[in-house]
Protein backbone atom coordinates (compact mmCIF):
# COMPACT_ATOMS: atom_id res chain seq x y z
CA UNK A 1 -4.63 30.52 1.71
CA UNK A 2 -4.59 29.12 -1.81
CA UNK A 3 -3.59 31.79 -4.33
CA UNK A 4 -6.56 33.17 -6.31
CA UNK A 5 -8.98 30.60 -4.83
CA UNK A 6 -11.27 33.23 -3.25
CA UNK A 7 -11.56 35.14 -6.53
CA UNK A 8 -12.20 31.95 -8.52
CA UNK A 9 -14.91 30.78 -6.13
CA UNK A 10 -16.72 34.10 -6.24
CA UNK A 11 -16.44 34.36 -10.03
CA UNK A 12 -17.76 30.82 -10.48
CA UNK A 13 -20.66 31.44 -8.10
CA UNK A 14 -21.62 34.60 -9.97
CA UNK A 15 -21.20 32.83 -13.33
CA UNK A 16 -23.61 30.13 -12.18
CA UNK A 17 -26.05 32.73 -10.82
CA UNK A 18 -25.98 31.33 -7.30
CA UNK A 19 -26.15 33.11 -3.98
CA UNK A 20 -23.79 32.24 -1.14
CA UNK A 21 -26.78 30.69 0.63
CA UNK A 22 -27.53 28.44 -2.36
CA UNK A 23 -23.90 27.32 -2.59
CA UNK A 24 -23.87 26.66 1.15
CA UNK A 25 -26.98 24.46 0.88
CA UNK A 26 -25.52 22.51 -2.03
CA UNK A 27 -22.20 21.76 -0.31
CA UNK A 28 -23.53 21.38 3.23
CA UNK A 29 -22.02 24.36 5.04
CA UNK A 30 -23.32 27.68 6.33
CA UNK A 31 -23.45 30.81 4.16
CA UNK A 32 -20.90 32.49 6.44
CA UNK A 33 -18.41 29.73 5.64
CA UNK A 34 -18.94 30.24 1.90
CA UNK A 35 -18.36 33.95 2.50
CA UNK A 36 -15.14 33.08 4.31
CA UNK A 37 -13.96 31.01 1.35
CA UNK A 38 -14.64 33.93 -0.99
CA UNK A 39 -12.85 36.48 1.18
CA UNK A 40 -9.88 34.22 1.89
CA UNK A 41 -10.56 34.12 5.62
CA UNK A 42 -11.19 30.37 5.41
CA UNK A 43 -9.69 27.57 3.34
CA UNK A 44 -11.99 24.73 2.26
CA UNK A 45 -11.19 21.18 3.31
CA UNK A 46 -10.32 18.63 0.66
CA UNK A 47 -13.88 17.28 0.83
CA UNK A 48 -15.41 20.74 0.36
CA UNK A 49 -12.96 21.59 -2.42
CA UNK A 50 -14.09 18.46 -4.23
CA UNK A 51 -17.76 19.38 -3.69
CA UNK A 52 -17.10 22.84 -5.12
CA UNK A 53 -15.36 21.36 -8.15
CA UNK A 54 -18.40 19.15 -8.83
CA UNK A 55 -20.81 22.03 -8.26
CA UNK A 56 -19.00 24.31 -10.70
CA UNK A 57 -17.92 21.56 -13.11
CA UNK A 58 -14.24 22.48 -12.85
CA UNK A 59 -11.23 20.46 -11.80
CA UNK A 60 -9.69 20.74 -8.37
CA UNK A 61 -6.45 21.52 -10.22
CA UNK A 62 -8.13 24.63 -11.63
CA UNK A 63 -9.32 25.70 -8.18
CA UNK A 64 -5.86 25.10 -6.70
CA UNK A 65 -4.15 27.05 -9.46
CA UNK A 66 -2.38 24.07 -10.99
CA UNK A 67 -4.37 24.24 -14.22
CA UNK A 68 -4.53 27.48 -16.15
CA UNK A 69 -7.50 26.55 -18.33
CA UNK A 70 -10.60 28.58 -17.81
CA UNK A 71 -13.51 26.56 -16.43
CA UNK A 72 -15.50 26.90 -19.63
CA UNK A 73 -12.76 24.93 -21.43
CA UNK A 74 -13.96 21.77 -19.68
CA UNK A 75 -16.64 19.56 -21.19
CA UNK A 76 -19.19 17.70 -19.07
CA UNK A 77 -19.41 14.19 -20.51
CA UNK A 78 -21.23 12.65 -17.55
CA UNK A 79 -24.47 12.20 -19.52
CA UNK A 80 -22.85 10.69 -22.60
CA UNK A 81 -22.93 6.98 -23.30
CA UNK A 82 -19.67 5.03 -23.46
CA UNK A 83 -20.03 4.93 -27.25
CA UNK A 84 -20.46 8.72 -27.40
CA UNK A 85 -17.46 9.25 -25.11
CA UNK A 86 -15.32 7.03 -27.34
CA UNK A 87 -16.44 8.94 -30.44
CA UNK A 88 -15.62 12.25 -28.77
CA UNK A 89 -12.19 10.95 -27.73
CA UNK A 90 -11.52 9.82 -31.31
CA UNK A 91 -12.55 13.21 -32.64
CA UNK A 92 -10.24 14.99 -30.22
CA UNK A 93 -7.34 12.72 -31.14
CA UNK A 94 -7.91 13.33 -34.86
CA UNK A 95 -7.93 17.10 -34.27
CA UNK A 96 -4.62 16.86 -32.38
CA UNK A 97 -2.98 15.16 -35.36
């Protein structure tokens, strides 16, 4: 079992207002498997872990406990143009300085 993964998965599901059935449908497994992930009885495969990270817009590093940042610290830039992404990157770099 991956430390804290069950708690993170349940917290993210609740945060997104999803039922276990809805999560199961979105990642292509049964609701009982999602329940198993949240209780720690099952460990998701790499493919499922990746699907969960996309679903909840968090990194796999966060789910695996290798990144301490809360999920809401991540920014979804998937709908930004390349120009907007570059501007955002420049802004972040200027803030770091």
